[in-house]
Amino acid sequence: MSMPDAQGRELTFGEAIREALAEELRRDPRVFILGEDVAEAGTPFKVLSGLVEEFGTERVIDAPISEAGITGLAVGAAMTGRRP
């Protein structure tokens, strides 16, 4: 399923998510992506593919399967001005 964006282009939901995340990463250097299989694997559906090449592993971060660890890292990052 796809829907037109503001410029009238047809995008899948995955493409729209990737474009929105990339736009925010470009706009604000404090923004980063943290999650399971988001960097090297590019997510199961390849939604985030190409982001690690553009923004590096310091801003697109693979986390271990530990929800508590991810939450703690995100809270700590937000407390220091980062935008997870």
N, C-alpha and C. Protein backbone atom coordinates (compact mmCIF):
# COMPACT_ATOMS: atom_id res chain seq x y z
N MET A 1 0.83 -1.17 0.00
CA MET A 1 0.00 0.00 0.00
C MET A 1 0.88 1.24 0.00
N SER A 2 0.52 2.22 -0.75
CA SER A 2 1.27 3.46 -0.79
C SER A 2 0.31 4.64 -0.79
N MET A 3 0.85 5.78 -0.40
CA MET A 3 0.05 7.00 -0.37
C MET A 3 0.89 8.14 -0.92
N PRO A 4 0.27 9.15 -1.52
CA PRO A 4 1.04 10.28 -2.03
C PRO A 4 1.57 11.14 -0.88
N ASP A 5 2.79 11.66 -1.04
CA ASP A 5 3.34 12.57 -0.05
C ASP A 5 3.00 14.01 -0.43
N ALA A 6 3.59 14.98 0.26
CA ALA A 6 3.26 16.39 0.02
C ALA A 6 3.61 16.83 -1.40
N GLN A 7 4.61 16.19 -2.02
CA GLN A 7 4.98 16.54 -3.39
C GLN A 7 4.22 15.70 -4.42
N GLY A 8 3.31 14.87 -3.97
CA GLY A 8 2.53 14.04 -4.88
C GLY A 8 3.19 12.74 -5.29
N ARG A 9 4.34 12.41 -4.68
CA ARG A 9 5.01 11.14 -4.97
C ARG A 9 4.32 10.01 -4.23
N GLU A 10 4.32 8.83 -4.82
CA GLU A 10 3.77 7.65 -4.16
C GLU A 10 4.88 6.99 -3.34
N LEU A 11 4.64 6.83 -2.04
CA LEU A 11 5.60 6.20 -1.14
C LEU A 11 4.91 5.08 -0.38
N THR A 12 5.65 4.01 -0.13
CA THR A 12 5.13 3.01 0.80
C THR A 12 5.29 3.57 2.21
N PHE A 13 4.64 2.95 3.18
CA PHE A 13 4.79 3.43 4.55
C PHE A 13 6.24 3.29 5.01
N GLY A 14 6.91 2.21 4.62
CA GLY A 14 8.31 2.03 4.97
C GLY A 14 9.19 3.12 4.39
N GLU A 15 8.97 3.49 3.14
CA GLU A 15 9.74 4.57 2.52
C GLU A 15 9.49 5.90 3.21
N ALA A 16 8.24 6.14 3.59
CA ALA A 16 7.91 7.39 4.28
C ALA A 16 8.58 7.45 5.65
N ILE A 17 8.61 6.33 6.37
CA ILE A 17 9.28 6.29 7.67
C ILE A 17 10.76 6.55 7.50
N ARG A 18 11.40 5.90 6.53
CA ARG A 18 12.83 6.09 6.30
C ARG A 18 13.13 7.54 5.95
N GLU A 19 12.35 8.13 5.05
CA GLU A 19 12.58 9.52 4.66
C GLU A 19 12.41 10.48 5.84
N ALA A 20 11.41 10.24 6.67
CA ALA A 20 11.19 11.10 7.83
C ALA A 20 12.35 11.00 8.83
N LEU A 21 12.82 9.79 9.08
CA LEU A 21 13.95 9.61 9.99
C LEU A 21 15.21 10.24 9.43
N ALA A 22 15.47 10.05 8.15
CA ALA A 22 16.65 10.64 7.52
C ALA A 22 16.58 12.17 7.56
N GLU A 23 15.40 12.72 7.34
CA GLU A 23 15.23 14.17 7.39
C GLU A 23 15.56 14.72 8.77
N GLU A 24 15.09 14.04 9.81
CA GLU A 24 15.38 14.49 11.18
C GLU A 24 16.86 14.32 11.52
N LEU A 25 17.48 13.24 11.07
CA LEU A 25 18.91 13.04 11.30
C LEU A 25 19.73 14.13 10.62
N ARG A 26 19.33 14.55 9.43
CA ARG A 26 20.03 15.63 8.72
C ARG A 26 19.80 16.98 9.41
N ARG A 27 18.60 17.20 9.89
CA ARG A 27 18.21 18.49 10.45
C ARG A 27 18.84 18.76 11.81
N ASP A 28 18.96 17.73 12.64
CA ASP A 28 19.38 17.92 14.02
C ASP A 28 20.48 16.92 14.38
N PRO A 29 21.69 17.38 14.62
CA PRO A 29 22.79 16.45 14.93
C PRO A 29 22.62 15.73 16.27
N ARG A 30 21.67 16.16 17.10
CA ARG A 30 21.42 15.48 18.38
C ARG A 30 20.56 14.24 18.22
N VAL A 31 19.90 14.09 17.08
CA VAL A 31 19.00 12.96 16.84
C VAL A 31 19.80 11.71 16.53
N PHE A 32 19.38 10.58 17.08
CA PHE A 32 19.97 9.29 16.73
C PHE A 32 18.91 8.21 16.77
N ILE A 33 19.19 7.11 16.11
CA ILE A 33 18.28 5.96 16.08
C ILE A 33 18.92 4.85 16.88
N LEU A 34 18.16 4.26 17.78
CA LEU A 34 18.64 3.19 18.64
C LEU A 34 17.60 2.08 18.64
N GLY A 35 18.04 0.86 18.39
CA GLY A 35 17.09 -0.25 18.43
C GLY A 35 17.73 -1.56 18.03
N GLU A 36 16.92 -2.59 18.03
CA GLU A 36 17.39 -3.93 17.66
C GLU A 36 17.39 -4.06 16.14
N ASP A 37 18.50 -4.47 15.58
CA ASP A 37 18.65 -4.68 14.13
C ASP A 37 18.34 -3.44 13.30
N VAL A 38 18.80 -2.28 13.73
CA VAL A 38 18.55 -1.07 12.95
C VAL A 38 19.75 -0.64 12.11
N ALA A 39 20.94 -1.10 12.44
CA ALA A 39 22.13 -0.62 11.73
C ALA A 39 22.59 -1.61 10.67
N GLU A 40 23.38 -2.57 11.06
CA GLU A 40 23.99 -3.47 10.08
C GLU A 40 22.96 -4.29 9.32
N ALA A 41 21.96 -4.79 10.02
CA ALA A 41 20.95 -5.61 9.34
C ALA A 41 19.95 -4.77 8.56
N GLY A 42 19.82 -3.50 8.92
CA GLY A 42 18.91 -2.62 8.20
C GLY A 42 17.45 -2.88 8.46
N THR A 43 17.12 -3.51 9.54
CA THR A 43 15.78 -3.92 9.96
C THR A 43 15.27 -5.07 9.10
N PRO A 44 14.39 -5.87 9.63
CA PRO A 44 13.89 -7.02 8.87
C PRO A 44 13.27 -6.67 7.53
N PHE A 45 12.61 -5.53 7.44
CA PHE A 45 11.96 -5.16 6.18
C PHE A 45 12.78 -4.14 5.39
N LYS A 46 14.03 -3.92 5.79
CA LYS A 46 14.96 -3.00 5.11
C LYS A 46 14.46 -1.56 5.11
N VAL A 47 13.65 -1.21 6.10
CA VAL A 47 13.11 0.15 6.17
C VAL A 47 14.23 1.17 6.40
N LEU A 48 15.22 0.81 7.21
CA LEU A 48 16.28 1.76 7.54
C LEU A 48 17.56 1.54 6.73
N SER A 49 17.49 0.75 5.68
CA SER A 49 18.70 0.47 4.91
C SER A 49 19.26 1.76 4.32
N GLY A 50 20.58 1.88 4.40
CA GLY A 50 21.27 3.05 3.88
C GLY A 50 21.53 4.13 4.91
N LEU A 51 20.82 4.10 6.03
CA LEU A 51 21.01 5.16 7.03
C LEU A 51 22.36 5.05 7.73
N VAL A 52 22.81 3.83 8.02
CA VAL A 52 24.11 3.69 8.68
C VAL A 52 25.23 4.17 7.77
N GLU A 53 25.10 3.97 6.46
CA GLU A 53 26.12 4.45 5.52
C GLU A 53 26.14 5.98 5.47
N GLU A 54 24.99 6.60 5.57
CA GLU A 54 24.92 8.06 5.49
C GLU A 54 25.29 8.74 6.81
N PHE A 55 24.86 8.15 7.95
CA PHE A 55 25.01 8.83 9.23
C PHE A 55 26.00 8.16 10.18
N GLY A 56 26.44 6.96 9.87
CA GLY A 56 27.43 6.27 10.68
C GLY A 56 26.84 5.53 11.87
N THR A 57 27.68 4.70 12.47
CA THR A 57 27.23 3.85 13.57
C THR A 57 27.12 4.60 14.90
N GLU A 58 27.56 5.85 14.96
CA GLU A 58 27.37 6.64 16.18
C GLU A 58 25.98 7.25 16.25
N ARG A 59 25.27 7.28 15.10
CA ARG A 59 23.92 7.85 15.09
C ARG A 59 22.84 6.84 14.72
N VAL A 60 23.23 5.70 14.19
CA VAL A 60 22.30 4.60 13.92
C VAL A 60 22.89 3.41 14.66
N ILE A 61 22.32 3.11 15.82
CA ILE A 61 22.96 2.22 16.78
C ILE A 61 22.16 0.94 16.98
N ASP A 62 22.82 -0.20 16.74
CA ASP A 62 22.22 -1.49 17.05
C ASP A 62 22.34 -1.73 18.55
N ALA A 63 21.24 -2.10 19.17
CA ALA A 63 21.24 -2.40 20.60
C ALA A 63 21.01 -3.89 20.79
N PRO A 64 21.50 -4.44 21.90
CA PRO A 64 21.22 -5.84 22.18
C PRO A 64 19.74 -6.01 22.52
N ILE A 65 19.30 -7.25 22.52
CA ILE A 65 17.90 -7.52 22.86
C ILE A 65 17.76 -7.38 24.38
N SER A 66 17.54 -6.16 24.81
CA SER A 66 17.38 -5.84 26.23
C SER A 66 16.57 -4.56 26.32
N GLU A 67 15.27 -4.72 26.46
CA GLU A 67 14.39 -3.56 26.49
C GLU A 67 14.76 -2.60 27.62
N ALA A 68 15.12 -3.14 28.78
CA ALA A 68 15.50 -2.28 29.90
C ALA A 68 16.77 -1.50 29.58
N GLY A 69 17.72 -2.15 28.91
CA GLY A 69 18.95 -1.47 28.52
C GLY A 69 18.70 -0.37 27.51
N ILE A 70 17.85 -0.64 26.52
CA ILE A 70 17.52 0.36 25.51
C ILE A 70 16.82 1.55 26.18
N THR A 71 15.89 1.26 27.09
CA THR A 71 15.17 2.33 27.79
C THR A 71 16.13 3.18 28.60
N GLY A 72 17.03 2.54 29.34
CA GLY A 72 18.00 3.27 30.14
C GLY A 72 18.91 4.14 29.30
N LEU A 73 19.38 3.60 28.19
CA LEU A 73 20.25 4.37 27.30
C LEU A 73 19.50 5.57 26.72
N ALA A 74 18.25 5.36 26.29
CA ALA A 74 17.46 6.44 25.71
C ALA A 74 17.17 7.53 26.74
N VAL A 75 16.82 7.14 27.97
CA VAL A 75 16.55 8.12 29.02
C VAL A 75 17.81 8.91 29.34
N GLY A 76 18.93 8.22 29.51
CA GLY A 76 20.18 8.91 29.79
C GLY A 76 20.59 9.85 28.67
N ALA A 77 20.42 9.42 27.43
CA ALA A 77 20.75 10.27 26.29
C ALA A 77 19.87 11.51 26.27
N ALA A 78 18.58 11.33 26.52
CA ALA A 78 17.65 12.47 26.53
C ALA A 78 18.00 13.45 27.66
N MET A 79 18.43 12.92 28.79
CA MET A 79 18.80 13.79 29.92
C MET A 79 20.03 14.63 29.62
N THR A 80 20.85 14.20 28.67
CA THR A 80 22.05 14.95 28.32
C THR A 80 21.89 15.75 27.03
N GLY A 81 20.64 15.87 26.55
CA GLY A 81 20.40 16.72 25.39
C GLY A 81 20.31 16.01 24.06
N ARG A 82 20.54 14.72 24.04
CA ARG A 82 20.41 13.97 22.78
C ARG A 82 18.94 13.72 22.51
N ARG A 83 18.62 13.32 21.28
CA ARG A 83 17.23 13.09 20.89
C ARG A 83 17.07 11.71 20.29
N PRO A 84 16.85 10.70 21.17
CA PRO A 84 16.71 9.33 20.66
C PRO A 84 15.39 9.13 19.93
